[in-house]
PDB file of all heavy atoms in Angstrom:
ATOM      1  N   GLU A   1       0.808  -1.202   0.000  1.00  0.00           N
ATOM      2  CA  GLU A   1       0.000   0.000   0.000  1.00  0.00           C
ATOM      3  C   GLU A   1       0.850   1.265   0.000  1.00  0.00           C
ATOM      4  O   GLU A   1       1.986   1.263   0.467  1.00  0.00           O
ATOM      5  CB  GLU A   1      -0.937   0.025   1.217  1.00  0.00           C
ATOM      6  CG  GLU A   1      -0.217   0.107   2.547  1.00  0.00           C
ATOM      7  CD  GLU A   1      -1.159   0.223   3.733  1.00  0.00           C
ATOM      8  OE1 GLU A   1      -2.375   0.394   3.521  1.00  0.00           O
ATOM      9  OE2 GLU A   1      -0.676   0.144   4.881  1.00  0.00           O
ATOM     10  N   LEU A   2       0.254   2.319  -0.510  1.00  0.00           N
ATOM     11  CA  LEU A   2       0.920   3.616  -0.531  1.00  0.00           C
ATOM     12  C   LEU A   2       1.086   4.146   0.884  1.00  0.00           C
ATOM     13  O   LEU A   2       0.153   4.134   1.679  1.00  0.00           O
ATOM     14  CB  LEU A   2       0.103   4.613  -1.354  1.00  0.00           C
ATOM     15  CG  LEU A   2       0.529   6.082  -1.240  1.00  0.00           C
ATOM     16  CD1 LEU A   2       1.852   6.310  -1.966  1.00  0.00           C
ATOM     17  CD2 LEU A   2      -0.551   6.998  -1.803  1.00  0.00           C
ATOM     18  N   VAL A   3       2.268   4.644   1.173  1.00  0.00           N
ATOM     19  CA  VAL A   3       2.532   5.348   2.422  1.00  0.00           C
ATOM     20  C   VAL A   3       2.611   6.844   2.137  1.00  0.00           C
ATOM     21  O   VAL A   3       1.874   7.641   2.713  1.00  0.00           O
ATOM     22  CB  VAL A   3       3.833   4.874   3.089  1.00  0.00           C
ATOM     23  CG1 VAL A   3       4.122   5.699   4.340  1.00  0.00           C
ATOM     24  CG2 VAL A   3       3.740   3.393   3.437  1.00  0.00           C
ATOM     25  N   ALA A   4       3.509   7.211   1.249  1.00  0.00           N
ATOM     26  CA  ALA A   4       3.684   8.609   0.875  1.00  0.00           C
ATOM     27  C   ALA A   4       4.377   8.683  -0.473  1.00  0.00           C
ATOM     28  O   ALA A   4       5.229   7.861  -0.778  1.00  0.00           O
ATOM     29  CB  ALA A   4       4.508   9.354   1.928  1.00  0.00           C
ATOM     30  N   SER A   5       4.021   9.673  -1.274  1.00  0.00           N
ATOM     31  CA  SER A   5       4.649   9.820  -2.579  1.00  0.00           C
ATOM     32  C   SER A   5       4.573  11.253  -3.071  1.00  0.00           C
ATOM     33  O   SER A   5       3.731  12.032  -2.618  1.00  0.00           O
ATOM     34  CB  SER A   5       4.009   8.891  -3.606  1.00  0.00           C
ATOM     35  OG  SER A   5       2.689   9.303  -3.915  1.00  0.00           O
ATOM     36  N   TYR A   6       5.442  11.562  -4.006  1.00  0.00           N
ATOM     37  CA  TYR A   6       5.354  12.823  -4.730  1.00  0.00           C
ATOM     38  C   TYR A   6       4.494  12.602  -5.959  1.00  0.00           C
ATOM     39  O   TYR A   6       4.574  11.560  -6.612  1.00  0.00           O
ATOM     40  CB  TYR A   6       6.739  13.324  -5.134  1.00  0.00           C
ATOM     41  CG  TYR A   6       7.512  13.926  -3.991  1.00  0.00           C
ATOM     42  CD1 TYR A   6       8.463  13.190  -3.297  1.00  0.00           C
ATOM     43  CD2 TYR A   6       7.276  15.242  -3.596  1.00  0.00           C
ATOM     44  CE1 TYR A   6       9.162  13.744  -2.243  1.00  0.00           C
ATOM     45  CE2 TYR A   6       7.976  15.804  -2.539  1.00  0.00           C
ATOM     46  CZ  TYR A   6       8.917  15.053  -1.871  1.00  0.00           C
ATOM     47  OH  TYR A   6       9.610  15.613  -0.817  1.00  0.00           O
ATOM     48  N   THR A   7       3.673  13.587  -6.285  1.00  0.00           N
ATOM     49  CA  THR A   7       2.790  13.517  -7.445  1.00  0.00           C
ATOM     50  C   THR A   7       3.219  14.551  -8.469  1.00  0.00           C
ATOM     51  O   THR A   7       4.242  15.212  -8.327  1.00  0.00           O
ATOM     52  CB  THR A   7       1.329  13.752  -7.029  1.00  0.00           C
ATOM     53  OG1 THR A   7       1.191  15.069  -6.470  1.00  0.00           O
ATOM     54  CG2 THR A   7       0.899  12.721  -5.993  1.00  0.00           C
ATOM     55  N   VAL A   8       2.413  14.690  -9.529  1.00  0.00           N
ATOM     56  CA  VAL A   8       2.688  15.684 -10.561  1.00  0.00           C
ATOM     57  C   VAL A   8       2.772  17.068  -9.926  1.00  0.00           C
ATOM     58  O   VAL A   8       1.927  17.437  -9.105  1.00  0.00           O
ATOM     59  CB  VAL A   8       1.602  15.664 -11.647  1.00  0.00           C
ATOM     60  CG1 VAL A   8       1.826  16.786 -12.653  1.00  0.00           C
ATOM     61  CG2 VAL A   8       1.580  14.318 -12.347  1.00  0.00           C
ATOM     62  N   GLY A   9       3.799  17.799 -10.291  1.00  0.00           N
ATOM     63  CA  GLY A   9       3.995  19.124  -9.736  1.00  0.00           C
ATOM     64  C   GLY A   9       4.676  19.109  -8.381  1.00  0.00           C
ATOM     65  O   GLY A   9       4.761  20.140  -7.714  1.00  0.00           O
ATOM     66  N   ASP A  10       5.144  17.943  -7.961  1.00  0.00           N
ATOM     67  CA  ASP A  10       5.840  17.767  -6.677  1.00  0.00           C
ATOM     68  C   ASP A  10       4.939  18.011  -5.466  1.00  0.00           C
ATOM     69  O   ASP A  10       5.408  18.379  -4.390  1.00  0.00           O
ATOM     70  CB  ASP A  10       7.076  18.652  -6.598  1.00  0.00           C
ATOM     71  CG  ASP A  10       8.259  18.075  -7.351  1.00  0.00           C
ATOM     72  OD1 ASP A  10       8.268  16.849  -7.600  1.00  0.00           O
ATOM     73  OD2 ASP A  10       9.168  18.848  -7.701  1.00  0.00           O
ATOM     74  N   PHE A  11       3.643  17.817  -5.645  1.00  0.00           N
ATOM     75  CA  PHE A  11       2.740  17.766  -4.512  1.00  0.00           C
ATOM     76  C   PHE A  11       2.930  16.419  -3.829  1.00  0.00           C
ATOM     77  O   PHE A  11       3.463  15.481  -4.417  1.00  0.00           O
ATOM     78  CB  PHE A  11       1.284  17.928  -4.952  1.00  0.00           C
ATOM     79  CG  PHE A  11       0.953  19.311  -5.413  1.00  0.00           C
ATOM     80  CD1 PHE A  11       1.019  19.654  -6.750  1.00  0.00           C
ATOM     81  CD2 PHE A  11       0.568  20.280  -4.495  1.00  0.00           C
ATOM     82  CE1 PHE A  11       0.717  20.940  -7.176  1.00  0.00           C
ATOM     83  CE2 PHE A  11       0.255  21.569  -4.911  1.00  0.00           C
ATOM     84  CZ  PHE A  11       0.333  21.898  -6.257  1.00  0.00           C
ATOM     85  N   THR A  12       2.488  16.301  -2.595  1.00  0.00           N
ATOM     86  CA  THR A  12       2.633  15.056  -1.858  1.00  0.00           C
ATOM     87  C   THR A  12       1.292  14.394  -1.619  1.00  0.00           C
ATOM     88  O   THR A  12       0.259  15.060  -1.512  1.00  0.00           O
ATOM     89  CB  THR A  12       3.327  15.280  -0.509  1.00  0.00           C
ATOM     90  OG1 THR A  12       2.640  16.300   0.230  1.00  0.00           O
ATOM     91  CG2 THR A  12       4.770  15.721  -0.721  1.00  0.00           C
ATOM     92  N   ASN A  13       1.325  13.076  -1.530  1.00  0.00           N
ATOM     93  CA  ASN A  13       0.139  12.282  -1.291  1.00  0.00           C
ATOM     94  C   ASN A  13       0.454  11.271  -0.199  1.00  0.00           C
ATOM     95  O   ASN A  13       1.507  10.628  -0.242  1.00  0.00           O
ATOM     96  CB  ASN A  13      -0.286  11.572  -2.573  1.00  0.00           C
ATOM     97  CG  ASN A  13      -1.591  10.818  -2.422  1.00  0.00           C
ATOM     98  OD1 ASN A  13      -2.485  11.263  -1.710  1.00  0.00           O
ATOM     99  ND2 ASN A  13      -1.706   9.686  -3.096  1.00  0.00           N
ATOM    100  N   TYR A  14      -0.449  11.127   0.779  1.00  0.00           N
ATOM    101  CA  TYR A  14      -0.236  10.218   1.897  1.00  0.00           C
ATOM    102  C   TYR A  14      -1.387   9.249   2.040  1.00  0.00           C
ATOM    103  O   TYR A  14      -2.543   9.589   1.774  1.00  0.00           O
ATOM    104  CB  TYR A  14      -0.086  10.988   3.210  1.00  0.00           C
ATOM    105  CG  TYR A  14       1.149  11.852   3.293  1.00  0.00           C
ATOM    106  CD1 TYR A  14       1.123  13.181   2.884  1.00  0.00           C
ATOM    107  CD2 TYR A  14       2.347  11.334   3.782  1.00  0.00           C
ATOM    108  CE1 TYR A  14       2.258  13.971   2.954  1.00  0.00           C
ATOM    109  CE2 TYR A  14       3.484  12.119   3.859  1.00  0.00           C
ATOM    110  CZ  TYR A  14       3.435  13.435   3.444  1.00  0.00           C
ATOM    111  OH  TYR A  14       4.570  14.221   3.524  1.00  0.00           O
ATOM    112  N   GLY A  15      -1.052   8.042   2.473  1.00  0.00           N
ATOM    113  CA  GLY A  15      -2.094   7.094   2.802  1.00  0.00           C
ATOM    114  C   GLY A  15      -2.901   7.601   3.984  1.00  0.00           C
ATOM    115  O   GLY A  15      -2.366   8.273   4.872  1.00  0.00           O
ATOM    116  N   ASP A  16      -4.197   7.279   4.005  1.00  0.00           N
ATOM    117  CA  ASP A  16      -5.073   7.804   5.045  1.00  0.00           C
ATOM    118  C   ASP A  16      -4.596   7.464   6.458  1.00  0.00           C
ATOM    119  O   ASP A  16      -4.728   8.276   7.378  1.00  0.00           O
ATOM    120  CB  ASP A  16      -6.495   7.271   4.859  1.00  0.00           C
ATOM    121  CG  ASP A  16      -7.180   7.863   3.640  1.00  0.00           C
ATOM    122  OD1 ASP A  16      -6.753   8.930   3.172  1.00  0.00           O
ATOM    123  OD2 ASP A  16      -8.164   7.254   3.174  1.00  0.00           O
ATOM    124  N   SER A  17      -4.048   6.291   6.638  1.00  0.00           N
ATOM    125  CA  SER A  17      -3.657   5.843   7.963  1.00  0.00           C
ATOM    126  C   SER A  17      -2.406   6.530   8.511  1.00  0.00           C
ATOM    127  O   SER A  17      -2.119   6.422   9.705  1.00  0.00           O
ATOM    128  CB  SER A  17      -3.441   4.325   7.972  1.00  0.00           C
ATOM    129  OG  SER A  17      -2.363   3.960   7.130  1.00  0.00           O
ATOM    130  N   VAL A  18      -1.664   7.235   7.657  1.00  0.00           N
ATOM    131  CA  VAL A  18      -0.424   7.861   8.108  1.00  0.00           C
ATOM    132  C   VAL A  18      -0.465   9.384   8.042  1.00  0.00           C
ATOM    133  O   VAL A  18       0.494  10.040   8.478  1.00  0.00           O
ATOM    134  CB  VAL A  18       0.799   7.359   7.314  1.00  0.00           C
ATOM    135  CG1 VAL A  18       0.848   5.837   7.323  1.00  0.00           C
ATOM    136  CG2 VAL A  18       0.787   7.887   5.887  1.00  0.00           C
ATOM    137  N   LYS A  19      -1.548   9.949   7.534  1.00  0.00           N
ATOM    138  CA  LYS A  19      -1.654  11.398   7.427  1.00  0.00           C
ATOM    139  C   LYS A  19      -1.509  12.063   8.790  1.00  0.00           C
ATOM    140  O   LYS A  19      -2.119  11.649   9.763  1.00  0.00           O
ATOM    141  CB  LYS A  19      -2.992  11.792   6.798  1.00  0.00           C
ATOM    142  CG  LYS A  19      -3.101  11.481   5.321  1.00  0.00           C
ATOM    143  CD  LYS A  19      -4.450  11.895   4.758  1.00  0.00           C
ATOM    144  CE  LYS A  19      -4.544  11.592   3.275  1.00  0.00           C
ATOM    145  NZ  LYS A  19      -5.872  11.929   2.724  1.00  0.00           N
ATOM    146  N   GLY A  20      -0.679  13.081   8.829  1.00  0.00           N
ATOM    147  CA  GLY A  20      -0.445  13.798  10.064  1.00  0.00           C
ATOM    148  C   GLY A  20       0.662  13.219  10.912  1.00  0.00           C
ATOM    149  O   GLY A  20       1.100  13.851  11.877  1.00  0.00           O
ATOM    150  N   ARG A  21       1.121  12.023  10.571  1.00  0.00           N
ATOM    151  CA  ARG A  21       2.174  11.365  11.347  1.00  0.00           C
ATOM    152  C   ARG A  21       3.465  11.189  10.559  1.00  0.00           C
ATOM    153  O   ARG A  21       4.549  11.253  11.128  1.00  0.00           O
ATOM    154  CB  ARG A  21       1.706   9.995  11.837  1.00  0.00           C
ATOM    155  CG  ARG A  21       0.499  10.046  12.754  1.00  0.00           C
ATOM    156  CD  ARG A  21       0.207   8.680  13.374  1.00  0.00           C
ATOM    157  NE  ARG A  21      -0.137   7.676  12.361  1.00  0.00           N
ATOM    158  CZ  ARG A  21       0.525   6.542  12.169  1.00  0.00           C
ATOM    159  NH1 ARG A  21       1.584   6.253  12.922  1.00  0.00           N
ATOM    160  NH2 ARG A  21       0.129   5.681  11.240  1.00  0.00           N
ATOM    161  N   PHE A  22       3.355  10.956   9.250  1.00  0.00           N
ATOM    162  CA  PHE A  22       4.524  10.709   8.398  1.00  0.00           C
ATOM    163  C   PHE A  22       4.759  11.887   7.456  1.00  0.00           C
ATOM    164  O   PHE A  22       3.813  12.563   7.038  1.00  0.00           O
ATOM    165  CB  PHE A  22       4.321   9.454   7.553  1.00  0.00           C
ATOM    166  CG  PHE A  22       4.294   8.161   8.322  1.00  0.00           C
ATOM    167  CD1 PHE A  22       4.263   8.136   9.703  1.00  0.00           C
ATOM    168  CD2 PHE A  22       4.290   6.957   7.634  1.00  0.00           C
ATOM    169  CE1 PHE A  22       4.229   6.943  10.403  1.00  0.00           C
ATOM    170  CE2 PHE A  22       4.267   5.756   8.325  1.00  0.00           C
ATOM    171  CZ  PHE A  22       4.231   5.749   9.708  1.00  0.00           C
ATOM    172  N   THR A  23       6.020  12.093   7.095  1.00  0.00           N
ATOM    173  CA  THR A  23       6.385  13.148   6.161  1.00  0.00           C
ATOM    174  C   THR A  23       7.444  12.653   5.187  1.00  0.00           C
ATOM    175  O   THR A  23       8.471  12.119   5.605  1.00  0.00           O
ATOM    176  CB  THR A  23       6.932  14.388   6.892  1.00  0.00           C
ATOM    177  OG1 THR A  23       5.972  14.865   7.836  1.00  0.00           O
ATOM    178  CG2 THR A  23       7.232  15.504   5.889  1.00  0.00           C
ATOM    179  N   ILE A  24       7.185  12.825   3.893  1.00  0.00           N
ATOM    180  CA  ILE A  24       8.153  12.458   2.874  1.00  0.00           C
ATOM    181  C   ILE A  24       8.937  13.705   2.458  1.00  0.00           C
ATOM    182  O   ILE A  24       8.390  14.806   2.413  1.00  0.00           O
ATOM    183  CB  ILE A  24       7.471  11.818   1.643  1.00  0.00           C
ATOM    184  CG1 ILE A  24       8.519  11.274   0.658  1.00  0.00           C
ATOM    185  CG2 ILE A  24       6.536  12.801   0.954  1.00  0.00           C
ATOM    186  CD1 ILE A  24       7.919  10.469  -0.494  1.00  0.00           C
ATOM    187  N   SER A  25      10.211  13.522   2.161  1.00  0.00           N
ATOM    188  CA  SER A  25      11.042  14.619   1.679  1.00  0.00           C
ATOM    189  C   SER A  25      12.128  14.054   0.783  1.00  0.00           C
ATOM    190  O   SER A  25      12.389  12.850   0.798  1.00  0.00           O
ATOM    191  CB  SER A  25      11.653  15.406   2.842  1.00  0.00           C
ATOM    192  OG  SER A  25      12.501  14.590   3.628  1.00  0.00           O
ATOM    193  N   ARG A  26      12.757  14.905  -0.011  1.00  0.00           N
ATOM    194  CA  ARG A  26      13.834  14.447  -0.886  1.00  0.00           C
ATOM    195  C   ARG A  26      14.930  15.490  -0.963  1.00  0.00           C
ATOM    196  O   ARG A  26      14.692  16.688  -0.804  1.00  0.00           O
ATOM    197  CB  ARG A  26      13.312  14.092  -2.283  1.00  0.00           C
ATOM    198  CG  ARG A  26      12.760  15.260  -3.083  1.00  0.00           C
ATOM    199  CD  ARG A  26      12.121  14.778  -4.386  1.00  0.00           C
ATOM    200  NE  ARG A  26      13.117  14.297  -5.338  1.00  0.00           N
ATOM    201  CZ  ARG A  26      12.830  13.605  -6.444  1.00  0.00           C
ATOM    202  NH1 ARG A  26      11.561  13.292  -6.716  1.00  0.00           N
ATOM    203  NH2 ARG A  26      13.795  13.213  -7.265  1.00  0.00           N
ATOM    204  N   ASP A  27      16.132  15.012  -1.227  1.00  0.00           N
ATOM    205  CA  ASP A  27      17.299  15.859  -1.391  1.00  0.00           C
ATOM    206  C   ASP A  27      17.923  15.479  -2.723  1.00  0.00           C
ATOM    207  O   ASP A  27      18.607  14.461  -2.832  1.00  0.00           O
ATOM    208  CB  ASP A  27      18.287  15.649  -0.245  1.00  0.00           C
ATOM    209  CG  ASP A  27      19.455  16.609  -0.286  1.00  0.00           C
ATOM    210  OD1 ASP A  27      19.850  17.043  -1.393  1.00  0.00           O
ATOM    211  OD2 ASP A  27      19.992  16.935   0.786  1.00  0.00           O
ATOM    212  N   ASN A  28      17.669  16.282  -3.744  1.00  0.00           N
ATOM    213  CA  ASN A  28      18.139  15.952  -5.088  1.00  0.00           C
ATOM    214  C   ASN A  28      19.661  15.940  -5.199  1.00  0.00           C
ATOM    215  O   ASN A  28      20.224  15.163  -5.962  1.00  0.00           O
ATOM    216  CB  ASN A  28      17.549  16.919  -6.106  1.00  0.00           C
ATOM    217  CG  ASN A  28      16.062  16.697  -6.330  1.00  0.00           C
ATOM    218  OD1 ASN A  28      15.528  15.634  -6.021  1.00  0.00           O
ATOM    219  ND2 ASN A  28      15.393  17.710  -6.860  1.00  0.00           N
ATOM    220  N   ALA A  29      20.323  16.809  -4.458  1.00  0.00           N
ATOM    221  CA  ALA A  29      21.780  16.867  -4.501  1.00  0.00           C
ATOM    222  C   ALA A  29      22.400  15.571  -3.993  1.00  0.00           C
ATOM    223  O   ALA A  29      23.438  15.132  -4.486  1.00  0.00           O
ATOM    224  CB  ALA A  29      22.292  18.053  -3.695  1.00  0.00           C
ATOM    225  N   LYS A  30      21.769  14.962  -2.997  1.00  0.00           N
ATOM    226  CA  LYS A  30      22.269  13.724  -2.415  1.00  0.00           C
ATOM    227  C   LYS A  30      21.625  12.482  -3.027  1.00  0.00           C
ATOM    228  O   LYS A  30      21.996  11.365  -2.665  1.00  0.00           O
ATOM    229  CB  LYS A  30      22.039  13.713  -0.907  1.00  0.00           C
ATOM    230  CG  LYS A  30      22.801  14.788  -0.153  1.00  0.00           C
ATOM    231  CD  LYS A  30      22.525  14.700   1.338  1.00  0.00           C
ATOM    232  CE  LYS A  30      23.297  15.751   2.105  1.00  0.00           C
ATOM    233  NZ  LYS A  30      23.031  15.683   3.564  1.00  0.00           N
ATOM    234  N   LYS A  31      20.669  12.682  -3.921  1.00  0.00           N
ATOM    235  CA  LYS A  31      19.909  11.586  -4.523  1.00  0.00           C
ATOM    236  C   LYS A  31      19.282  10.715  -3.441  1.00  0.00           C
ATOM    237  O   LYS A  31      19.384   9.486  -3.459  1.00  0.00           O
ATOM    238  CB  LYS A  31      20.799  10.746  -5.445  1.00  0.00           C
ATOM    239  CG  LYS A  31      21.263  11.479  -6.686  1.00  0.00           C
ATOM    240  CD  LYS A  31      22.018  10.543  -7.621  1.00  0.00           C
ATOM    241  CE  LYS A  31      22.382  11.240  -8.919  1.00  0.00           C
ATOM    242  NZ  LYS A  31      23.079  10.315  -9.861  1.00  0.00           N
ATOM    243  N   MET A  32      18.617  11.372  -2.503  1.00  0.00           N
ATOM    244  CA  MET A  32      18.004  10.658  -1.395  1.00  0.00           C
ATOM    245  C   MET A  32      16.556  11.080  -1.183  1.00  0.00           C
ATOM    246  O   MET A  32      16.166  12.210  -1.482  1.00  0.00           O
ATOM    247  CB  MET A  32      18.784  10.892  -0.104  1.00  0.00           C
ATOM    248  CG  MET A  32      20.204  10.367  -0.129  1.00  0.00           C
ATOM    249  SD  MET A  32      21.022  10.460   1.479  1.00  0.00           S
ATOM    250  CE  MET A  32      20.117   9.191   2.384  1.00  0.00           C
ATOM    251  N   VAL A  33      15.780  10.152  -0.682  1.00  0.00           N
ATOM    252  CA  VAL A  33      14.412  10.427  -0.274  1.00  0.00           C
ATOM    253  C   VAL A  33      14.246   9.878   1.137  1.00  0.00           C
ATOM    254  O   VAL A  33      14.813   8.831   1.475  1.00  0.00           O
ATOM    255  CB  VAL A  33      13.387   9.811  -1.253  1.00  0.00           C
ATOM    256  CG1 VAL A  33      13.527   8.296  -1.324  1.00  0.00           C
ATOM    257  CG2 VAL A  33      11.970  10.205  -0.860  1.00  0.00           C
ATOM    258  N   TYR A  34      13.484  10.595   1.957  1.00  0.00           N
ATOM    259  CA  TYR A  34      13.337  10.241   3.356  1.00  0.00           C
ATOM    260  C   TYR A  34      11.876  10.057   3.724  1.00  0.00           C
ATOM    261  O   TYR A  34      10.980  10.591   3.086  1.00  0.00           O
ATOM    262  CB  TYR A  34      13.925  11.330   4.253  1.00  0.00           C
ATOM    263  CG  TYR A  34      15.340  11.723   3.920  1.00  0.00           C
ATOM    264  CD1 TYR A  34      15.600  12.802   3.079  1.00  0.00           C
ATOM    265  CD2 TYR A  34      16.421  11.021   4.443  1.00  0.00           C
ATOM    266  CE1 TYR A  34      16.894  13.171   2.776  1.00  0.00           C
ATOM    267  CE2 TYR A  34      17.721  11.385   4.141  1.00  0.00           C
ATOM    268  CZ  TYR A  34      17.952  12.461   3.307  1.00  0.00           C
ATOM    269  OH  TYR A  34      19.246  12.820   3.008  1.00  0.00           O
ATOM    270  N   LEU A  35      11.661   9.312   4.787  1.00  0.00           N
ATOM    271  CA  LEU A  35      10.333   9.180   5.362  1.00  0.00           C
ATOM    272  C   LEU A  35      10.462   9.332   6.866  1.00  0.00           C
ATOM    273  O   LEU A  35      10.994   8.449   7.538  1.00  0.00           O
ATOM    274  CB  LEU A  35       9.707   7.822   5.022  1.00  0.00           C
ATOM    275  CG  LEU A  35       8.281   7.618   5.546  1.00  0.00           C
ATOM    276  CD1 LEU A  35       7.310   8.543   4.809  1.00  0.00           C
ATOM    277  CD2 LEU A  35       7.851   6.157   5.390  1.00  0.00           C
ATOM    278  N   GLN A  36      10.001  10.465   7.375  1.00  0.00           N
ATOM    279  CA  GLN A  36       9.980  10.694   8.808  1.00  0.00           C
ATOM    280  C   GLN A  36       8.684  10.140   9.367  1.00  0.00           C
ATOM    281  O   GLN A  36       7.600  10.551   8.949  1.00  0.00           O
ATOM    282  CB  GLN A  36      10.090  12.192   9.120  1.00  0.00           C
ATOM    283  CG  GLN A  36      10.046  12.528  10.600  1.00  0.00           C
ATOM    284  CD  GLN A  36      11.239  11.989  11.354  1.00  0.00           C
ATOM    285  OE1 GLN A  36      12.374  12.140  10.915  1.00  0.00           O
ATOM    286  NE2 GLN A  36      10.985  11.351  12.496  1.00  0.00           N
ATOM    287  N   MET A  37       8.789   9.212  10.297  1.00  0.00           N
ATOM    288  CA  MET A  37       7.631   8.548  10.870  1.00  0.00           C
ATOM    289  C   MET A  37       7.549   8.871  12.354  1.00  0.00           C
ATOM    290  O   MET A  37       8.453   8.524  13.122  1.00  0.00           O
ATOM    291  CB  MET A  37       7.710   7.036  10.663  1.00  0.00           C
ATOM    292  CG  MET A  37       7.899   6.625   9.208  1.00  0.00           C
ATOM    293  SD  MET A  37       7.838   4.831   8.976  1.00  0.00           S
ATOM    294  CE  MET A  37       9.318   4.350   9.864  1.00  0.00           C
ATOM    295  N   ASN A  38       6.469   9.529  12.756  1.00  0.00           N
ATOM    296  CA  ASN A  38       6.256   9.897  14.148  1.00  0.00           C
ATOM    297  C   ASN A  38       5.015   9.221  14.701  1.00  0.00           C
ATOM    298  O   ASN A  38       4.134   8.801  13.952  1.00  0.00           O
ATOM    299  CB  ASN A  38       6.111  11.418  14.278  1.00  0.00           C
ATOM    300  CG  ASN A  38       7.345  12.171  13.853  1.00  0.00           C
ATOM    301  OD1 ASN A  38       8.472  11.725  14.064  1.00  0.00           O
ATOM    302  ND2 ASN A  38       7.145  13.350  13.265  1.00  0.00           N
ATOM    303  N   ASN A  39       4.948   9.144  16.020  1.00  0.00           N
ATOM    304  CA  ASN A  39       3.806   8.528  16.700  1.00  0.00           C
ATOM    305  C   ASN A  39       3.471   7.171  16.097  1.00  0.00           C
ATOM    306  O   ASN A  39       2.326   6.892  15.735  1.00  0.00           O
ATOM    307  CB  ASN A  39       2.594   9.455  16.640  1.00  0.00           C
ATOM    308  CG  ASN A  39       1.463   9.006  17.548  1.00  0.00           C
ATOM    309  OD1 ASN A  39       1.686   8.303  18.540  1.00  0.00           O
ATOM    310  ND2 ASN A  39       0.237   9.393  17.203  1.00  0.00           N
ATOM    311  N   LEU A  40       4.467   6.327  16.012  1.00  0.00           N
ATOM    312  CA  LEU A  40       4.293   5.022  15.386  1.00  0.00           C
ATOM    313  C   LEU A  40       3.341   4.131  16.171  1.00  0.00           C
ATOM    314  O   LEU A  40       3.296   4.172  17.398  1.00  0.00           O
ATOM    315  CB  LEU A  40       5.643   4.336  15.227  1.00  0.00           C
ATOM    316  CG  LEU A  40       6.496   4.893  14.083  1.00  0.00           C
ATOM    317  CD1 LEU A  40       7.965   4.535  14.271  1.00  0.00           C
ATOM    318  CD2 LEU A  40       5.984   4.367  12.745  1.00  0.00           C
ATOM    319  N   LYS A  41       2.593   3.336  15.419  1.00  0.00           N
ATOM    320  CA  LYS A  41       1.610   2.427  15.984  1.00  0.00           C
ATOM    321  C   LYS A  41       1.936   0.996  15.572  1.00  0.00           C
ATOM    322  O   LYS A  41       2.590   0.778  14.556  1.00  0.00           O
ATOM    323  CB  LYS A  41       0.205   2.789  15.487  1.00  0.00           C
ATOM    324  CG  LYS A  41      -0.209   4.229  15.771  1.00  0.00           C
ATOM    325  CD  LYS A  41      -1.555   4.539  15.145  1.00  0.00           C
ATOM    326  CE  LYS A  41      -1.962   5.975  15.423  1.00  0.00           C
ATOM    327  NZ  LYS A  41      -3.280   6.295  14.815  1.00  0.00           N
ATOM    328  N   PRO A  42       1.484   0.002  16.342  1.00  0.00           N
ATOM    329  CA  PRO A  42       1.744  -1.392  15.971  1.00  0.00           C
ATOM    330  C   PRO A  42       1.296  -1.728  14.549  1.00  0.00           C
ATOM    331  O   PRO A  42       1.952  -2.529  13.874  1.00  0.00           O
ATOM    332  CB  PRO A  42       0.941  -2.185  17.003  1.00  0.00           C
ATOM    333  CG  PRO A  42       0.950  -1.303  18.207  1.00  0.00           C
ATOM    334  CD  PRO A  42       0.816   0.097  17.652  1.00  0.00           C
ATOM    335  N   GLU A  43       0.218  -1.122  14.082  1.00  0.00           N
ATOM    336  CA  GLU A  43      -0.267  -1.379  12.738  1.00  0.00           C
ATOM    337  C   GLU A  43       0.625  -0.807  11.642  1.00  0.00           C
ATOM    338  O   GLU A  43       0.409  -1.055  10.456  1.00  0.00           O
ATOM    339  CB  GLU A  43      -1.708  -0.862  12.558  1.00  0.00           C
ATOM    340  CG  GLU A  43      -1.898   0.577  13.002  1.00  0.00           C
ATOM    341  CD  GLU A  43      -2.459   0.682  14.411  1.00  0.00           C
ATOM    342  OE1 GLU A  43      -2.003  -0.060  15.302  1.00  0.00           O
ATOM    343  OE2 GLU A  43      -3.365   1.510  14.627  1.00  0.00           O
ATOM    344  N   ASP A  44       1.647  -0.037  12.023  1.00  0.00           N
ATOM    345  CA  ASP A  44       2.628   0.453  11.058  1.00  0.00           C
ATOM    346  C   ASP A  44       3.691  -0.598  10.753  1.00  0.00           C
ATOM    347  O   ASP A  44       4.521  -0.394   9.862  1.00  0.00           O
ATOM    348  CB  ASP A  44       3.314   1.720  11.574  1.00  0.00           C
ATOM    349  CG  ASP A  44       2.371   2.902  11.681  1.00  0.00           C
ATOM    350  OD1 ASP A  44       1.529   3.076  10.776  1.00  0.00           O
ATOM    351  OD2 ASP A  44       2.477   3.657  12.672  1.00  0.00           O
TER     352      ASP A  44
END
């Protein structure tokens, strides 16, 4: 299932169960993408 992604125009999209808790980001210079996960739950 989708957790988080960039969409057309570099907007972000999050799965309903993680909205408000997870954040996606990217660093083009480092060729990296990150997922910050807060308030983790067993269902994660």
